[in-house]
Amino acid sequence: MSTTAEALRSAEAHSAHNYHPLPVVVATAEGAWMTDVEGRRFLDMLAGYSALNFGHGNRRLLDAAKAQLERVTLTSRAFHHDRFGDFCRELAALCGKEMVLPMNTGAEAVETAVKTARKWGYEVKGVPDGQAKIVVAANNFHGRTTTIVSFSTDHEARDHYGPYTPGFEIVPYGDLTALAAAVTANTVAVLLEPIQGEAGVLVPPAGYLQGVRELTRERNVLFMADEIQSGLGRTGKTFACEHEDVVPDVYILGKALGGGVVPVSAVVADRDVLGVFRPGEHGSTFGGNPLACAVALEVIAMLRSGEHQQHAAELGDHLHRELNLLVGGGAVTAVRGRGLWAGVDIDPAHGTGREISEALMERGVLVKDTHGSTIRIAPPLVIDKEDLDWGLDQLREVLAAG
């Protein structure tokens, strides 16, 4: 087994530098804790950007995966397999929808949603071919494919990847007036994150999602909610849209749907939307494979109990009470979020988000910075109060030391 230094040298020399990870090399993990190659333990307060909502090495998910590994892992969509229909039925029911189009990664699901909206616009709404428009929000993060970065306002994600895909209108997040002005007869969809994760866990103004829902319904436009990070229990409800009693036309799901075991994503909608696809028009070799379906079925079963959502809601209230006590103390300027998800803005005079993250790592807590001065906190939903409080204690000590 490599030492930390050896592993970091190898990564530096032989991997593309498209990430700037913290200098920790994880070897094993269980629950909310990870252990590095030299035996040091770290409290995971990031949970793979919500991919690990149910913790590392969740026994139910591992057992589901192991059982399926012994049977069949891949058929491709050239054939049916015995887990596919169950997965689609159960996920559709969880979302209160009729149909599922499974893919693998979150970005694939967003691309699929874009294609769905355009096809629906041409074949159902009657938009002239090639004229479809999708309205998105500034500071969004929906992935990093060529089409998705075409409507990003993050220069690091977007610059030098043109020419860019047309057909998108960008408006300020949380601004219903701007959104209404951007919707035209050729608009086929509004694509939004109910809470913007990468932007710093930005929660929209109260009533915003309800306003989006009403506007899109009035204008015959699809409301597509990217719940890849915000969904499946993270905010204390199954979907973040539920906090405003909103049901979008299209759910875009990923990350936690694979239980931190395999990549699983999906677009979920009613038949009048996903029914536009016919054989050969869209697909994925690995999308909806037996292993993915087996794990995702167990994820869905776990969500149906409601225990993870309740735990995230109750412990999330505690998390935000404690974090808000830090505001105004000289180091923290703002705290945002919902459930077990928070963005903490650090006063630049006190240090960068990266510096705070590195200082926490030295104390055995792993978080990650974004946009320079913000750290994100999103522990696995299985974390207990004692561990969470210990992690918050480390944050207080780091801030006090600065």
Protein backbone atom coordinates (compact mmCIF):
# COMPACT_ATOMS: atom_id res chain seq x y z
CA MET A 1 0.00 0.00 0.00
CA SER A 2 1.30 3.45 -0.91
CA THR A 3 2.06 6.08 1.70
CA THR A 4 0.25 9.40 1.47
CA ALA A 5 3.28 11.05 -0.11
CA GLU A 6 3.69 8.27 -2.68
CA ALA A 7 0.02 8.32 -3.62
CA LEU A 8 0.02 12.10 -4.02
CA ARG A 9 3.16 12.02 -6.17
CA SER A 10 1.66 9.37 -8.43
CA ALA A 11 -1.59 11.29 -8.81
CA GLU A 12 0.27 14.51 -9.54
CA ALA A 13 2.42 12.85 -12.18
CA HIS A 14 -0.11 10.68 -13.97
CA SER A 15 -3.61 12.16 -13.62
CA ALA A 16 -5.04 15.15 -15.43
CA HIS A 17 -5.23 18.11 -13.07
CA ASN A 18 -8.95 18.72 -13.45
CA TYR A 19 -9.45 18.56 -9.66
CA HIS A 20 -7.63 20.12 -6.72
CA PRO A 21 -8.37 17.62 -3.95
CA LEU A 22 -7.31 17.99 -0.36
CA PRO A 23 -4.09 16.06 0.33
CA VAL A 24 -5.73 13.11 2.05
CA VAL A 25 -5.60 9.58 0.63
CA VAL A 26 -8.58 7.50 1.74
CA ALA A 27 -8.16 3.74 2.05
CA THR A 28 -11.30 2.58 3.90
CA ALA A 29 -14.57 4.07 5.08
CA GLU A 30 -17.62 3.19 7.14
CA GLY A 31 -20.66 5.24 8.04
CA ALA A 32 -19.61 8.86 8.39
CA TRP A 33 -15.91 8.09 8.86
CA MET A 34 -13.00 7.55 6.49
CA THR A 35 -9.52 6.23 7.21
CA ASP A 36 -6.44 7.15 5.19
CA VAL A 37 -3.58 4.93 4.06
CA GLU A 38 -1.69 5.63 7.26
CA GLY A 39 -4.55 4.84 9.61
CA ARG A 40 -5.73 8.38 10.43
CA ARG A 41 -9.51 8.76 10.77
CA PHE A 42 -11.51 11.61 9.30
CA LEU A 43 -15.13 12.64 9.77
CA ASP A 44 -16.69 12.94 6.31
CA MET A 45 -18.67 16.17 6.23
CA LEU A 46 -19.07 16.21 2.43
CA ALA A 47 -20.57 12.79 1.61
CA GLY A 48 -19.43 12.80 -1.98
CA TYR A 49 -21.51 15.92 -2.73
CA SER A 50 -24.60 13.94 -1.57
CA ALA A 51 -23.71 10.72 -3.41
CA LEU A 52 -23.10 9.12 0.00
CA ASN A 53 -26.31 10.19 1.71
CA PHE A 54 -26.61 6.74 3.29
CA GLY A 55 -23.01 6.62 4.45
CA HIS A 56 -19.95 4.64 3.48
CA GLY A 57 -20.32 0.89 3.28
CA ASN A 58 -24.02 0.86 4.08
CA ARG A 59 -24.73 -2.80 4.80
CA ARG A 60 -28.12 -2.91 3.11
CA LEU A 61 -26.69 -1.41 -0.07
CA LEU A 62 -23.58 -3.59 -0.07
CA ASP A 63 -25.68 -6.71 0.44
CA ALA A 64 -27.95 -5.72 -2.46
CA ALA A 65 -24.92 -5.13 -4.67
CA LYS A 66 -23.17 -8.37 -3.68
CA ALA A 67 -26.29 -10.43 -4.29
CA GLN A 68 -26.69 -8.90 -7.75
CA LEU A 69 -22.99 -9.32 -8.58
CA GLU A 70 -23.46 -13.07 -8.25
CA ARG A 71 -26.37 -13.05 -10.74
CA VAL A 72 -25.89 -10.61 -13.64
CA THR A 73 -24.35 -7.14 -13.81
CA LEU A 74 -24.96 -5.97 -17.38
CA THR A 75 -27.20 -6.92 -20.27
CA SER A 76 -27.32 -3.59 -22.14
CA ARG A 77 -30.75 -2.35 -23.11
CA ALA A 78 -30.74 -4.80 -26.02
CA PHE A 79 -32.50 -7.18 -23.62
CA HIS A 80 -34.78 -6.95 -20.63
CA HIS A 81 -33.53 -7.99 -17.21
CA ASP A 82 -35.48 -8.90 -14.11
CA ARG A 83 -34.63 -5.78 -12.04
CA PHE A 84 -35.38 -3.13 -14.64
CA GLY A 85 -39.17 -3.05 -14.51
CA ASP A 86 -39.19 -3.08 -10.71
CA PHE A 87 -36.73 -0.19 -10.57
CA CYS A 88 -38.70 1.96 -13.01
CA ARG A 89 -42.00 1.23 -11.26
CA GLU A 90 -40.68 1.95 -7.77
CA LEU A 91 -38.79 5.12 -8.71
CA ALA A 92 -41.78 6.46 -10.63
CA ALA A 93 -43.98 5.80 -7.60
CA LEU A 94 -41.51 7.53 -5.26
CA CYS A 95 -41.69 10.60 -7.48
CA GLY A 96 -45.43 10.41 -8.10
CA LYS A 97 -44.79 10.10 -11.83
CA GLU A 98 -45.46 7.52 -14.54
CA MET A 99 -42.19 6.89 -16.40
CA VAL A 100 -38.44 6.68 -15.84
CA LEU A 101 -35.53 7.07 -18.24
CA PRO A 102 -32.42 5.71 -16.49
CA MET A 103 -28.87 6.86 -17.17
CA ASN A 104 -25.62 6.75 -15.17
CA THR A 105 -24.23 10.12 -14.15
CA GLY A 106 -25.93 13.33 -13.14
CA ALA A 107 -24.62 15.14 -16.20
CA GLU A 108 -26.09 12.42 -18.42
CA ALA A 109 -29.44 12.89 -16.72
CA VAL A 110 -29.32 16.65 -17.31
CA GLU A 111 -28.41 16.10 -20.97
CA THR A 112 -31.31 13.66 -21.19
CA ALA A 113 -33.65 16.23 -19.65
CA VAL A 114 -32.52 18.85 -22.18
CA LYS A 115 -33.19 16.45 -25.05
CA THR A 116 -36.53 15.50 -23.51
CA ALA A 117 -37.64 19.12 -23.22
CA ARG A 118 -36.65 19.95 -26.79
CA LYS A 119 -38.34 16.89 -28.24
CA TRP A 120 -41.47 17.57 -26.19
CA GLY A 121 -41.40 21.17 -27.37
CA TYR A 122 -41.29 20.21 -31.04
CA GLU A 123 -43.63 17.23 -30.98
CA VAL A 124 -46.14 18.25 -28.30
CA LYS A 125 -46.04 22.02 -27.83
CA GLY A 126 -45.46 22.73 -31.51
CA VAL A 127 -42.35 24.92 -31.31
CA PRO A 128 -40.74 25.35 -34.76
CA ASP A 129 -37.89 22.90 -35.27
CA GLY A 130 -34.55 24.26 -34.10
CA GLN A 131 -36.09 27.17 -32.17
CA ALA A 132 -36.56 25.66 -28.70
CA LYS A 133 -35.34 27.70 -25.73
CA ILE A 134 -34.64 26.56 -22.18
CA VAL A 135 -34.43 29.10 -19.35
CA VAL A 136 -31.79 28.46 -16.69
CA ALA A 137 -30.46 30.33 -13.65
CA ALA A 138 -27.19 32.16 -13.21
CA ASN A 139 -24.64 30.45 -10.96
CA ASN A 140 -26.15 27.09 -11.82
CA PHE A 141 -24.26 23.83 -11.70
CA HIS A 142 -25.75 20.99 -13.73
CA GLY A 143 -22.55 19.24 -14.85
CA ARG A 144 -19.61 19.83 -17.17
CA THR A 145 -20.50 18.43 -20.58
CA THR A 146 -20.13 20.68 -23.61
CA THR A 147 -23.83 21.50 -23.75
CA ILE A 148 -24.14 22.06 -20.00
CA VAL A 149 -21.17 24.43 -19.74
CA SER A 150 -22.73 26.38 -22.60
CA PHE A 151 -25.25 27.75 -20.09
CA SER A 152 -22.87 28.03 -17.13
CA THR A 153 -21.85 31.40 -15.71
CA ASP A 154 -18.80 29.91 -13.98
CA HIS A 155 -15.80 30.92 -16.07
CA GLU A 156 -13.71 27.98 -14.79
CA ALA A 157 -16.30 25.51 -16.08
CA ARG A 158 -17.04 27.39 -19.29
CA ASP A 159 -13.98 29.22 -20.67
CA HIS A 160 -12.20 27.79 -23.73
CA TYR A 161 -14.73 25.04 -24.43
CA GLY A 162 -16.60 26.81 -27.22
CA PRO A 163 -18.22 26.97 -29.64
CA TYR A 164 -21.14 26.74 -27.26
CA THR A 165 -24.50 25.07 -27.69
CA PRO A 166 -27.25 27.64 -28.34
CA GLY A 167 -30.81 27.56 -27.06
CA PHE A 168 -30.45 28.72 -23.45
CA GLU A 169 -31.52 31.92 -21.69
CA ILE A 170 -29.85 32.74 -18.36
CA VAL A 171 -31.71 34.74 -15.69
CA PRO A 172 -30.86 35.61 -12.08
CA TYR A 173 -31.65 32.85 -9.60
CA GLY A 174 -34.62 33.65 -7.42
CA ASP A 175 -35.95 36.45 -9.68
CA LEU A 176 -39.48 35.59 -10.84
CA THR A 177 -39.85 38.83 -12.78
CA ALA A 178 -36.75 38.11 -14.86
CA LEU A 179 -37.88 34.54 -15.38
CA ALA A 180 -41.32 35.60 -16.61
CA ALA A 181 -39.75 38.08 -19.03
CA ALA A 182 -37.45 35.39 -20.45
CA VAL A 183 -40.24 32.90 -21.23
CA THR A 184 -41.46 33.18 -24.81
CA ALA A 185 -43.63 31.14 -27.15
CA ASN A 186 -40.53 29.08 -28.04
CA THR A 187 -39.59 28.30 -24.43
CA VAL A 188 -39.91 24.59 -23.77
CA ALA A 189 -38.57 24.34 -20.22
CA VAL A 190 -37.26 26.06 -17.12
CA LEU A 191 -34.35 24.12 -15.64
CA LEU A 192 -33.45 24.91 -12.02
CA GLU A 193 -31.81 23.54 -8.90
CA PRO A 194 -34.30 23.90 -6.03
CA ILE A 195 -31.22 24.77 -3.96
CA GLN A 196 -28.03 25.73 -5.78
CA GLY A 197 -25.33 23.48 -4.35
CA GLU A 198 -22.08 24.36 -6.09
CA ALA A 199 -22.91 28.06 -5.86
CA GLY A 200 -22.68 27.81 -2.08
CA VAL A 201 -25.93 26.08 -1.01
CA LEU A 202 -28.13 28.99 -2.08
CA VAL A 203 -31.74 28.67 -0.97
CA PRO A 204 -34.16 30.69 -3.15
CA PRO A 205 -36.57 33.25 -1.65
CA ALA A 206 -39.71 31.84 -0.08
CA GLY A 207 -42.39 31.34 -2.70
CA TYR A 208 -39.95 31.27 -5.61
CA LEU A 209 -40.45 27.62 -6.52
CA GLN A 210 -44.22 28.02 -6.22
CA GLY A 211 -43.98 30.99 -8.56
CA VAL A 212 -41.94 29.00 -11.05
CA ARG A 213 -44.49 26.21 -10.91
CA GLU A 214 -47.41 28.57 -11.53
CA LEU A 215 -45.63 30.43 -14.34
CA THR A 216 -44.56 27.30 -16.18
CA ARG A 217 -48.03 25.82 -15.93
CA GLU A 218 -49.63 29.01 -17.26
CA ARG A 219 -47.19 29.28 -20.18
CA ASN A 220 -47.21 25.57 -21.14
CA VAL A 221 -43.55 25.15 -20.25
CA LEU A 222 -41.93 22.20 -18.47
CA PHE A 223 -40.55 22.81 -14.99
CA MET A 224 -37.46 20.59 -14.68
CA ALA A 225 -36.01 20.30 -11.16
CA ASP A 226 -32.40 19.21 -10.89
CA GLU A 227 -32.55 17.34 -7.57
CA ILE A 228 -29.24 15.54 -8.13
CA GLN A 229 -27.66 17.06 -5.01
CA SER A 230 -30.72 18.36 -3.18
CA GLY A 231 -32.88 15.27 -3.52
CA LEU A 232 -33.29 11.91 -1.81
CA GLY A 233 -33.32 13.05 1.79
CA ARG A 234 -30.57 15.66 1.92
CA THR A 235 -32.80 18.60 2.94
CA GLY A 236 -35.03 16.69 5.35
CA LYS A 237 -37.57 15.74 2.71
CA THR A 238 -37.33 13.30 -0.18
CA PHE A 239 -37.12 16.23 -2.62
CA ALA A 240 -36.18 19.84 -1.91
CA CYS A 241 -39.18 20.98 -3.97
CA GLU A 242 -41.40 19.55 -1.24
CA HIS A 243 -40.47 22.41 1.08
CA GLU A 244 -42.78 24.58 -1.05
CA ASP A 245 -45.26 21.80 -1.86
CA VAL A 246 -44.14 21.93 -5.49
CA VAL A 247 -44.18 19.03 -7.91
CA PRO A 248 -42.19 19.73 -11.08
CA ASP A 249 -42.95 18.19 -14.45
CA VAL A 250 -39.54 16.52 -14.55
CA TYR A 251 -37.28 15.28 -11.76
CA ILE A 252 -33.60 14.93 -12.57
CA LEU A 253 -31.95 12.52 -10.13
CA GLY A 254 -28.49 11.07 -9.54
CA LYS A 255 -25.78 10.87 -6.89
CA ALA A 256 -27.56 9.33 -3.86
CA LEU A 257 -29.71 7.18 -6.16
CA GLY A 258 -26.66 4.93 -6.56
CA GLY A 259 -26.11 4.74 -2.80
CA GLY A 260 -22.43 5.60 -3.15
CA VAL A 261 -21.93 2.16 -4.70
CA VAL A 262 -22.50 2.62 -8.44
CA PRO A 263 -23.37 5.64 -10.61
CA VAL A 264 -27.13 5.75 -11.18
CA SER A 265 -29.18 8.64 -12.55
CA ALA A 266 -32.62 9.09 -14.03
CA VAL A 267 -35.11 11.46 -15.55
CA VAL A 268 -38.59 10.92 -14.12
CA ALA A 269 -41.78 12.39 -15.59
CA ASP A 270 -45.27 11.52 -16.75
CA ARG A 271 -46.08 9.70 -19.96
CA ASP A 272 -47.01 12.86 -21.85
CA VAL A 273 -43.39 14.02 -21.44
CA LEU A 274 -41.16 10.93 -21.55
CA GLY A 275 -43.51 9.25 -24.01
CA VAL A 276 -41.96 11.32 -26.80
CA PHE A 277 -39.04 8.89 -27.08
CA ARG A 278 -39.08 5.99 -29.48
CA PRO A 279 -36.54 3.15 -29.91
CA GLY A 280 -33.16 4.32 -31.13
CA GLU A 281 -33.65 8.00 -30.27
CA HIS A 282 -31.76 8.04 -26.96
CA GLY A 283 -29.95 5.53 -24.82
CA SER A 284 -26.98 4.36 -22.79
CA THR A 285 -25.21 1.00 -22.71
CA PHE A 286 -24.96 1.01 -18.92
CA GLY A 287 -28.12 2.99 -18.16
CA GLY A 288 -30.53 0.90 -16.11
CA ASN A 289 -28.13 -2.04 -15.82
CA PRO A 290 -28.99 -4.87 -13.36
CA LEU A 291 -26.41 -3.88 -10.75
CA ALA A 292 -27.52 -0.25 -10.81
CA CYS A 293 -31.18 -1.21 -10.55
CA ALA A 294 -30.56 -3.58 -7.64
CA VAL A 295 -28.75 -0.92 -5.61
CA ALA A 296 -31.21 1.84 -6.52
CA LEU A 297 -34.15 -0.37 -5.56
CA GLU A 298 -32.67 -0.69 -2.07
CA VAL A 299 -32.13 3.09 -1.95
CA ILE A 300 -35.79 3.62 -2.81
CA ALA A 301 -36.87 1.13 -0.14
CA MET A 302 -34.79 2.99 2.44
CA LEU A 303 -36.32 6.31 1.44
CA ARG A 304 -39.84 4.92 1.70
CA SER A 305 -39.40 4.43 5.46
CA GLY A 306 -38.87 8.18 5.90
CA GLU A 307 -36.31 7.67 8.67
CA HIS A 308 -33.44 9.26 6.78
CA GLN A 309 -35.51 12.30 5.85
CA GLN A 310 -36.63 12.72 9.48
CA HIS A 311 -33.08 12.36 10.78
CA ALA A 312 -31.83 14.94 8.25
CA ALA A 313 -34.59 17.34 9.25
CA GLU A 314 -34.04 17.02 13.01
CA LEU A 315 -30.25 16.98 12.95
CA GLY A 316 -30.30 19.65 10.24
CA ASP A 317 -32.17 22.02 12.56
CA HIS A 318 -29.44 21.46 15.14
CA LEU A 319 -26.69 21.99 12.55
CA HIS A 320 -28.12 25.32 11.43
CA ARG A 321 -28.73 26.56 14.97
CA GLU A 322 -25.08 25.89 15.83
CA LEU A 323 -23.72 27.37 12.61
CA ASN A 324 -25.81 30.52 12.90
CA LEU A 325 -24.27 31.16 16.31
CA LEU A 326 -20.98 31.66 14.46
CA VAL A 327 -22.30 34.50 12.29
CA GLY A 328 -21.08 37.90 13.39
CA GLY A 329 -18.21 36.53 15.42
CA GLY A 330 -15.63 37.88 13.00
CA ALA A 331 -14.96 34.81 10.88
CA VAL A 332 -18.33 33.72 9.49
CA THR A 333 -20.35 36.24 7.50
CA ALA A 334 -23.33 34.09 6.48
CA VAL A 335 -24.80 30.60 6.71
CA ARG A 336 -27.31 29.11 4.28
CA GLY A 337 -28.91 25.77 3.65
CA ARG A 338 -31.58 23.30 4.60
CA GLY A 339 -31.49 19.97 6.38
CA LEU A 340 -28.03 18.42 6.61
CA TRP A 341 -26.66 20.83 4.02
CA ALA A 342 -25.01 24.16 4.66
CA GLY A 343 -22.88 26.76 2.95
CA VAL A 344 -20.70 28.74 5.35
CA ASP A 345 -19.21 32.01 4.09
CA ILE A 346 -15.82 32.84 5.58
CA ASP A 347 -14.67 36.43 5.89
CA PRO A 348 -11.79 36.67 3.36
CA ALA A 349 -9.76 38.54 5.96
CA HIS A 350 -9.94 35.42 8.11
CA GLY A 351 -8.86 32.98 5.39
CA THR A 352 -9.99 31.33 2.20
CA GLY A 353 -12.37 28.42 2.04
CA ARG A 354 -9.45 26.25 0.98
CA GLU A 355 -7.38 27.31 3.98
CA ILE A 356 -10.23 26.56 6.38
CA SER A 357 -10.77 23.18 4.70
CA GLU A 358 -7.08 22.32 5.06
CA ALA A 359 -7.06 23.36 8.71
CA LEU A 360 -10.11 21.18 9.37
CA MET A 361 -8.43 18.27 7.58
CA GLU A 362 -5.51 18.55 10.01
CA ARG A 363 -8.07 18.16 12.81
CA GLY A 364 -9.72 15.14 11.21
CA VAL A 365 -12.71 16.76 9.50
CA LEU A 366 -13.22 16.76 5.74
CA VAL A 367 -15.20 19.52 4.02
CA LYS A 368 -14.65 21.28 0.69
CA ASP A 369 -14.52 24.88 -0.40
CA THR A 370 -16.31 26.54 -3.30
CA HIS A 371 -16.11 29.99 -4.87
CA GLY A 372 -13.12 31.01 -2.82
CA SER A 373 -14.63 31.92 0.52
CA THR A 374 -17.34 29.32 1.15
CA ILE A 375 -17.14 25.86 2.70
CA ARG A 376 -19.86 23.28 2.19
CA ILE A 377 -21.05 20.99 4.95
CA ALA A 378 -23.07 17.94 3.90
CA PRO A 379 -22.40 14.89 6.08
CA PRO A 380 -23.92 11.49 5.38
CA LEU A 381 -27.50 11.37 6.61
CA VAL A 382 -26.52 8.52 8.94
CA ILE A 383 -24.21 10.72 11.01
CA ASP A 384 -25.08 10.82 14.70
CA LYS A 385 -25.37 13.97 16.81
CA GLU A 386 -22.22 13.27 18.80
CA ASP A 387 -20.06 13.03 15.70
CA LEU A 388 -21.68 16.08 14.15
CA ASP A 389 -21.06 18.09 17.31
CA TRP A 390 -17.44 16.95 17.38
CA GLY A 391 -17.03 18.15 13.79
CA LEU A 392 -18.62 21.50 14.67
CA ASP A 393 -16.28 21.81 17.63
CA GLN A 394 -13.32 21.42 15.27
CA LEU A 395 -14.75 24.16 13.04
CA ARG A 396 -15.12 26.51 16.02
CA GLU A 397 -11.52 25.87 17.06
CA VAL A 398 -10.21 26.45 13.54
CA LEU A 399 -12.10 29.72 13.29
CA ALA A 400 -10.93 30.82 16.73
CA ALA A 401 -7.32 30.02 15.85
CA GLY A 402 -7.51 32.14 12.69
